């Protein structure tokens, strides 16, 4: 994603971006297989789809973002780790950025409902950047 990909786009709001390797590692842990089996899963995914975790989008691609960005997600999400979203935030190549955590839950779905439940912070962000 280069500068032309965001041409005409004023800002970005990203709900719970996640790296496949991170979320699949957590799934292995939850299922009792152990996160240490991630490389085996990666090989099987690559055999099935021809695309391993390294070739799939992950939060490290945030380094290509050059527009104001608001990231948010569930801090204690059972299916990922806070450092994955924090890494995306750190890699954003823009000064105007915000990371907001949904607190008080471990359920990923609550992150998707955050805008419906508390739209004000996101609407304020959008109004500042789309005015």
N, C-alpha and C. Protein backbone atom coordinates (compact mmCIF):
# COMPACT_ATOMS: atom_id res chain seq x y z
N UNK A 1 0.86 -1.17 0.00
CA UNK A 1 0.00 0.00 0.00
C UNK A 1 0.90 1.23 0.00
N UNK A 2 0.91 1.95 -1.08
CA UNK A 2 1.70 3.15 -1.19
C UNK A 2 0.86 4.38 -0.99
N UNK A 3 1.48 5.55 -1.15
CA UNK A 3 0.76 6.82 -0.96
C UNK A 3 -0.46 6.95 -1.87
N UNK A 4 -0.41 6.41 -3.07
CA UNK A 4 -1.55 6.52 -3.99
C UNK A 4 -2.77 5.74 -3.49
N UNK A 5 -2.54 4.71 -2.70
CA UNK A 5 -3.65 3.90 -2.19
C UNK A 5 -4.55 4.70 -1.27
N UNK A 6 -4.02 5.72 -0.62
CA UNK A 6 -4.83 6.52 0.30
C UNK A 6 -5.15 7.89 -0.28
N UNK A 7 -4.88 8.09 -1.54
CA UNK A 7 -5.19 9.37 -2.18
C UNK A 7 -6.68 9.67 -2.08
N UNK A 8 -7.01 10.86 -1.59
CA UNK A 8 -8.39 11.26 -1.42
C UNK A 8 -9.04 10.77 -0.14
N UNK A 9 -8.33 10.01 0.66
CA UNK A 9 -8.85 9.52 1.93
C UNK A 9 -8.31 10.42 3.04
N UNK A 10 -9.19 10.98 3.82
CA UNK A 10 -8.80 11.97 4.83
C UNK A 10 -8.30 11.35 6.12
N UNK A 11 -8.88 10.21 6.51
CA UNK A 11 -8.51 9.56 7.76
C UNK A 11 -8.99 8.12 7.74
N UNK A 12 -8.57 7.39 8.76
CA UNK A 12 -8.89 5.97 8.86
C UNK A 12 -9.34 5.66 10.28
N UNK A 13 -10.39 4.86 10.41
CA UNK A 13 -10.80 4.28 11.69
C UNK A 13 -10.70 2.77 11.50
N UNK A 14 -9.88 2.12 12.32
CA UNK A 14 -9.67 0.68 12.18
C UNK A 14 -10.08 -0.03 13.47
N UNK A 15 -11.06 -0.89 13.35
CA UNK A 15 -11.58 -1.66 14.47
C UNK A 15 -10.86 -3.00 14.55
N UNK A 16 -10.06 -3.16 15.58
CA UNK A 16 -9.44 -4.43 15.94
C UNK A 16 -8.63 -5.10 14.83
N UNK A 17 -7.74 -4.38 14.18
CA UNK A 17 -6.87 -5.09 13.23
C UNK A 17 -6.05 -6.13 14.00
N UNK A 18 -5.76 -7.24 13.35
CA UNK A 18 -5.07 -8.33 14.02
C UNK A 18 -4.17 -9.06 13.03
N UNK A 19 -3.11 -9.63 13.53
CA UNK A 19 -2.22 -10.45 12.73
C UNK A 19 -2.70 -11.90 12.79
N UNK A 20 -2.75 -12.55 11.64
CA UNK A 20 -3.21 -13.95 11.59
C UNK A 20 -2.38 -14.84 12.52
N UNK A 21 -1.08 -14.65 12.50
CA UNK A 21 -0.20 -15.50 13.33
C UNK A 21 -0.55 -15.35 14.82
N UNK A 22 -0.86 -14.14 15.25
CA UNK A 22 -1.19 -13.90 16.66
C UNK A 22 -2.53 -14.53 17.01
N UNK A 23 -3.54 -14.28 16.22
CA UNK A 23 -4.87 -14.80 16.55
C UNK A 23 -4.90 -16.32 16.44
N UNK A 24 -4.20 -16.89 15.47
CA UNK A 24 -4.18 -18.34 15.35
C UNK A 24 -3.38 -18.98 16.49
N UNK A 25 -2.32 -18.32 16.94
CA UNK A 25 -1.57 -18.81 18.10
C UNK A 25 -2.44 -18.84 19.35
N UNK A 26 -3.24 -17.80 19.54
CA UNK A 26 -4.16 -17.77 20.68
C UNK A 26 -5.21 -18.87 20.56
N UNK A 27 -5.70 -19.10 19.34
CA UNK A 27 -6.70 -20.16 19.13
C UNK A 27 -6.10 -21.52 19.50
N UNK A 28 -4.86 -21.77 19.09
CA UNK A 28 -4.21 -23.04 19.44
C UNK A 28 -4.11 -23.19 20.95
N UNK A 29 -3.77 -22.09 21.62
CA UNK A 29 -3.65 -22.11 23.07
C UNK A 29 -5.01 -22.41 23.72
N UNK A 30 -6.05 -21.75 23.26
CA UNK A 30 -7.40 -21.94 23.80
C UNK A 30 -7.87 -23.38 23.58
N UNK A 31 -7.53 -23.93 22.41
CA UNK A 31 -7.95 -25.30 22.09
C UNK A 31 -7.12 -26.36 22.79
N UNK A 32 -6.07 -25.93 23.48
CA UNK A 32 -5.26 -26.87 24.22
C UNK A 32 -4.13 -27.50 23.42
N UNK A 33 -3.95 -27.07 22.18
CA UNK A 33 -2.87 -27.61 21.35
C UNK A 33 -1.54 -26.97 21.69
N UNK A 34 -1.57 -25.78 22.23
CA UNK A 34 -0.36 -25.06 22.59
C UNK A 34 0.11 -24.13 21.49
N UNK A 35 0.44 -22.93 21.89
CA UNK A 35 0.89 -21.91 20.93
C UNK A 35 2.18 -22.34 20.24
N UNK A 36 2.93 -23.25 20.85
CA UNK A 36 4.18 -23.71 20.25
C UNK A 36 3.94 -24.53 18.98
N UNK A 37 2.70 -24.84 18.66
CA UNK A 37 2.35 -25.58 17.43
C UNK A 37 2.06 -24.64 16.27
N UNK A 38 2.30 -23.35 16.44
CA UNK A 38 1.97 -22.36 15.41
C UNK A 38 2.72 -22.62 14.10
N UNK A 39 3.97 -23.04 14.17
CA UNK A 39 4.72 -23.30 12.94
C UNK A 39 4.14 -24.48 12.17
N UNK A 40 3.68 -25.50 12.91
CA UNK A 40 3.03 -26.64 12.27
C UNK A 40 1.73 -26.19 11.59
N UNK A 41 0.94 -25.39 12.28
CA UNK A 41 -0.29 -24.86 11.69
C UNK A 41 0.04 -24.00 10.47
N UNK A 42 1.06 -23.20 10.56
CA UNK A 42 1.47 -22.35 9.44
C UNK A 42 1.78 -23.21 8.21
N UNK A 43 2.53 -24.30 8.40
CA UNK A 43 2.85 -25.20 7.28
C UNK A 43 1.57 -25.79 6.68
N UNK A 44 0.65 -26.20 7.54
CA UNK A 44 -0.60 -26.79 7.04
C UNK A 44 -1.46 -25.76 6.30
N UNK A 45 -1.50 -24.55 6.81
CA UNK A 45 -2.24 -23.48 6.13
C UNK A 45 -1.61 -23.21 4.77
N UNK A 46 -0.29 -23.19 4.72
CA UNK A 46 0.40 -22.92 3.46
C UNK A 46 0.14 -24.05 2.45
N UNK A 47 0.13 -25.30 2.92
CA UNK A 47 -0.18 -26.42 2.03
C UNK A 47 -1.60 -26.29 1.48
N UNK A 48 -2.53 -25.89 2.33
CA UNK A 48 -3.94 -25.79 1.94
C UNK A 48 -4.25 -24.57 1.08
N UNK A 49 -3.58 -23.46 1.35
CA UNK A 49 -3.95 -22.20 0.69
C UNK A 49 -2.84 -21.59 -0.15
N UNK A 50 -1.64 -22.12 -0.05
CA UNK A 50 -0.43 -21.58 -0.71
C UNK A 50 0.04 -20.27 -0.10
N UNK A 51 -0.59 -19.83 0.98
CA UNK A 51 -0.20 -18.56 1.62
C UNK A 51 -0.02 -18.80 3.11
N UNK A 52 1.22 -18.68 3.57
CA UNK A 52 1.51 -18.85 4.99
C UNK A 52 1.25 -17.55 5.75
N UNK A 53 1.39 -17.61 7.05
CA UNK A 53 1.13 -16.44 7.89
C UNK A 53 2.03 -15.26 7.53
N UNK A 54 3.26 -15.52 7.15
CA UNK A 54 4.19 -14.43 6.85
C UNK A 54 3.76 -13.64 5.61
N UNK A 55 3.08 -14.29 4.69
CA UNK A 55 2.62 -13.62 3.47
C UNK A 55 1.27 -12.94 3.65
N UNK A 56 0.62 -13.18 4.75
CA UNK A 56 -0.71 -12.60 4.99
C UNK A 56 -0.58 -11.24 5.66
N UNK A 57 -1.58 -10.39 5.47
CA UNK A 57 -1.53 -9.08 6.14
C UNK A 57 -1.43 -9.25 7.65
N UNK A 58 -0.64 -8.39 8.26
CA UNK A 58 -0.59 -8.35 9.72
C UNK A 58 -0.43 -6.90 10.14
N UNK A 59 -0.44 -6.68 11.44
CA UNK A 59 -0.43 -5.31 11.93
C UNK A 59 0.87 -4.57 11.59
N UNK A 60 1.92 -5.28 11.21
CA UNK A 60 3.18 -4.62 10.82
C UNK A 60 2.98 -3.78 9.56
N UNK A 61 1.97 -4.06 8.78
CA UNK A 61 1.72 -3.27 7.57
C UNK A 61 1.24 -1.85 7.88
N UNK A 62 0.99 -1.59 9.13
CA UNK A 62 0.61 -0.23 9.52
C UNK A 62 1.70 0.77 9.17
N UNK A 63 2.92 0.31 8.99
CA UNK A 63 4.03 1.21 8.65
C UNK A 63 3.81 1.92 7.31
N UNK A 64 2.90 1.43 6.51
CA UNK A 64 2.61 2.05 5.21
C UNK A 64 1.51 3.10 5.28
N UNK A 65 0.86 3.22 6.43
CA UNK A 65 -0.25 4.16 6.57
C UNK A 65 0.30 5.57 6.76
N UNK A 66 -0.21 6.51 5.98
CA UNK A 66 0.26 7.88 6.00
C UNK A 66 -0.86 8.90 6.24
N UNK A 67 -1.98 8.42 6.75
CA UNK A 67 -3.11 9.31 7.02
C UNK A 67 -3.49 9.21 8.49
N UNK A 68 -4.13 10.24 9.05
CA UNK A 68 -4.56 10.19 10.45
C UNK A 68 -5.37 8.91 10.70
N UNK A 69 -5.02 8.23 11.80
CA UNK A 69 -5.61 6.91 12.05
C UNK A 69 -6.03 6.76 13.50
N UNK A 70 -7.23 6.24 13.69
CA UNK A 70 -7.82 5.92 14.99
C UNK A 70 -7.95 4.41 15.04
N UNK A 71 -7.20 3.77 15.93
CA UNK A 71 -7.27 2.33 16.14
C UNK A 71 -8.00 2.04 17.43
N UNK A 72 -8.81 1.00 17.44
CA UNK A 72 -9.40 0.59 18.71
C UNK A 72 -9.64 -0.92 18.74
N UNK A 73 -9.61 -1.44 19.96
CA UNK A 73 -9.83 -2.87 20.15
C UNK A 73 -10.01 -3.20 21.61
N UNK A 74 -10.41 -4.43 21.86
CA UNK A 74 -10.61 -4.93 23.22
C UNK A 74 -9.24 -5.24 23.81
N UNK A 75 -8.89 -4.56 24.90
CA UNK A 75 -7.58 -4.74 25.51
C UNK A 75 -7.35 -6.18 25.97
N UNK A 76 -8.32 -6.77 26.62
CA UNK A 76 -8.17 -8.12 27.17
C UNK A 76 -8.83 -9.18 26.29
N UNK A 77 -8.87 -8.94 25.00
CA UNK A 77 -9.44 -9.85 24.01
C UNK A 77 -8.82 -11.24 24.18
N UNK A 78 -9.67 -12.25 24.33
CA UNK A 78 -9.18 -13.61 24.48
C UNK A 78 -8.49 -14.14 23.23
N UNK A 79 -8.81 -13.57 22.07
CA UNK A 79 -8.30 -14.10 20.81
C UNK A 79 -7.05 -13.41 20.28
N UNK A 80 -6.54 -12.45 21.02
CA UNK A 80 -5.31 -11.79 20.58
C UNK A 80 -4.57 -11.26 21.80
N UNK A 81 -3.58 -10.44 21.57
CA UNK A 81 -2.82 -9.86 22.67
C UNK A 81 -2.71 -8.35 22.44
N UNK A 82 -2.68 -7.56 23.50
CA UNK A 82 -2.61 -6.11 23.31
C UNK A 82 -1.40 -5.66 22.50
N UNK A 83 -0.29 -6.37 22.61
CA UNK A 83 0.91 -5.93 21.91
C UNK A 83 0.78 -5.97 20.40
N UNK A 84 -0.13 -6.77 19.85
CA UNK A 84 -0.32 -6.80 18.40
C UNK A 84 -0.88 -5.46 17.93
N UNK A 85 -1.90 -4.95 18.60
CA UNK A 85 -2.48 -3.66 18.23
C UNK A 85 -1.53 -2.52 18.60
N UNK A 86 -0.85 -2.65 19.72
CA UNK A 86 0.13 -1.63 20.11
C UNK A 86 1.25 -1.54 19.08
N UNK A 87 1.66 -2.67 18.52
CA UNK A 87 2.69 -2.67 17.47
C UNK A 87 2.19 -1.91 16.25
N UNK A 88 0.94 -2.15 15.87
CA UNK A 88 0.36 -1.43 14.73
C UNK A 88 0.39 0.07 14.99
N UNK A 89 -0.01 0.45 16.19
CA UNK A 89 -0.04 1.86 16.55
C UNK A 89 1.35 2.48 16.46
N UNK A 90 2.34 1.81 17.00
CA UNK A 90 3.72 2.32 16.96
C UNK A 90 4.24 2.43 15.54
N UNK A 91 3.83 1.53 14.68
CA UNK A 91 4.34 1.51 13.31
C UNK A 91 3.66 2.51 12.39
N UNK A 92 2.53 3.06 12.81
CA UNK A 92 1.85 4.05 11.98
C UNK A 92 2.81 5.20 11.70
N UNK A 93 3.01 5.50 10.43
CA UNK A 93 3.94 6.55 10.05
C UNK A 93 3.19 7.87 9.89
N UNK A 94 2.58 8.29 11.00
CA UNK A 94 1.80 9.52 11.00
C UNK A 94 1.77 10.06 12.43
N UNK A 95 1.83 11.36 12.58
CA UNK A 95 1.80 11.94 13.93
C UNK A 95 0.40 11.94 14.52
N UNK A 96 -0.60 12.15 13.67
CA UNK A 96 -1.98 12.25 14.14
C UNK A 96 -2.58 10.85 14.19
N UNK A 97 -2.46 10.22 15.36
CA UNK A 97 -2.97 8.87 15.53
C UNK A 97 -3.47 8.71 16.95
N UNK A 98 -4.40 7.75 17.12
CA UNK A 98 -4.96 7.49 18.44
C UNK A 98 -5.19 6.00 18.59
N UNK A 99 -4.90 5.49 19.77
CA UNK A 99 -5.19 4.10 20.12
C UNK A 99 -6.16 4.13 21.30
N UNK A 100 -7.33 3.56 21.11
CA UNK A 100 -8.34 3.51 22.17
C UNK A 100 -8.64 2.06 22.52
N UNK A 101 -8.67 1.78 23.80
CA UNK A 101 -8.96 0.43 24.28
C UNK A 101 -10.40 0.32 24.77
N UNK A 102 -11.02 -0.79 24.45
CA UNK A 102 -12.31 -1.16 25.02
C UNK A 102 -11.96 -1.97 26.27
N UNK A 103 -12.40 -1.49 27.41
CA UNK A 103 -12.05 -2.10 28.70
C UNK A 103 -13.24 -2.82 29.31
N UNK A 104 -12.96 -3.66 30.29
CA UNK A 104 -14.03 -4.31 31.06
C UNK A 104 -14.63 -5.53 30.39
N UNK A 105 -13.95 -6.08 29.40
CA UNK A 105 -14.44 -7.27 28.71
C UNK A 105 -13.26 -8.03 28.14
N UNK A 106 -13.47 -9.30 27.87
CA UNK A 106 -12.47 -10.09 27.18
C UNK A 106 -13.03 -10.64 25.87
N UNK A 107 -14.24 -10.21 25.56
CA UNK A 107 -14.94 -10.73 24.38
C UNK A 107 -14.67 -9.85 23.16
N UNK A 108 -14.10 -10.43 22.13
CA UNK A 108 -13.75 -9.69 20.91
C UNK A 108 -14.97 -8.96 20.32
N UNK A 109 -16.11 -9.61 20.36
CA UNK A 109 -17.31 -9.02 19.77
C UNK A 109 -17.64 -7.66 20.37
N UNK A 110 -17.31 -7.45 21.64
CA UNK A 110 -17.57 -6.15 22.26
C UNK A 110 -16.82 -5.03 21.56
N UNK A 111 -15.68 -5.35 20.98
CA UNK A 111 -14.95 -4.34 20.20
C UNK A 111 -15.73 -3.93 18.96
N UNK A 112 -16.35 -4.89 18.31
CA UNK A 112 -17.14 -4.58 17.11
C UNK A 112 -18.39 -3.78 17.46
N UNK A 113 -18.84 -3.91 18.69
CA UNK A 113 -20.03 -3.18 19.13
C UNK A 113 -19.70 -1.81 19.74
N UNK A 114 -18.43 -1.52 19.91
CA UNK A 114 -18.02 -0.28 20.58
C UNK A 114 -18.60 0.96 19.92
N UNK A 115 -18.56 1.04 18.61
CA UNK A 115 -19.10 2.22 17.93
C UNK A 115 -20.59 2.38 18.19
N UNK A 116 -21.33 1.29 18.18
CA UNK A 116 -22.77 1.37 18.44
C UNK A 116 -23.04 1.79 19.89
N UNK A 117 -22.21 1.33 20.81
CA UNK A 117 -22.43 1.63 22.23
C UNK A 117 -21.92 3.01 22.63
N UNK A 118 -20.75 3.39 22.12
CA UNK A 118 -20.14 4.67 22.48
C UNK A 118 -19.56 5.32 21.23
N UNK A 119 -20.44 5.87 20.39
CA UNK A 119 -19.96 6.43 19.12
C UNK A 119 -19.22 7.76 19.25
N UNK A 120 -19.40 8.46 20.36
CA UNK A 120 -18.88 9.83 20.47
C UNK A 120 -17.39 9.97 20.17
N UNK A 121 -16.50 9.16 20.76
CA UNK A 121 -15.07 9.37 20.47
C UNK A 121 -14.74 9.22 18.98
N UNK A 122 -15.34 8.25 18.33
CA UNK A 122 -15.06 8.04 16.91
C UNK A 122 -15.69 9.14 16.07
N UNK A 123 -16.91 9.54 16.42
CA UNK A 123 -17.55 10.63 15.68
C UNK A 123 -16.77 11.93 15.85
N UNK A 124 -16.24 12.19 17.03
CA UNK A 124 -15.40 13.37 17.24
C UNK A 124 -14.15 13.30 16.36
N UNK A 125 -13.51 12.14 16.33
CA UNK A 125 -12.33 11.94 15.47
C UNK A 125 -12.68 12.23 14.01
N UNK A 126 -13.77 11.63 13.55
CA UNK A 126 -14.17 11.83 12.16
C UNK A 126 -14.53 13.27 11.86
N UNK A 127 -15.24 13.92 12.76
CA UNK A 127 -15.63 15.32 12.50
C UNK A 127 -14.42 16.24 12.44
N UNK A 128 -13.39 15.94 13.24
CA UNK A 128 -12.16 16.73 13.21
C UNK A 128 -11.42 16.55 11.88
N UNK A 129 -11.49 15.38 11.31
CA UNK A 129 -10.71 15.10 10.10
C UNK A 129 -11.49 15.22 8.81
N UNK A 130 -12.80 15.26 8.90
CA UNK A 130 -13.62 15.35 7.69
C UNK A 130 -14.29 16.71 7.54
N UNK A 131 -13.97 17.63 8.43
CA UNK A 131 -14.59 18.96 8.39
C UNK A 131 -14.06 19.79 7.23
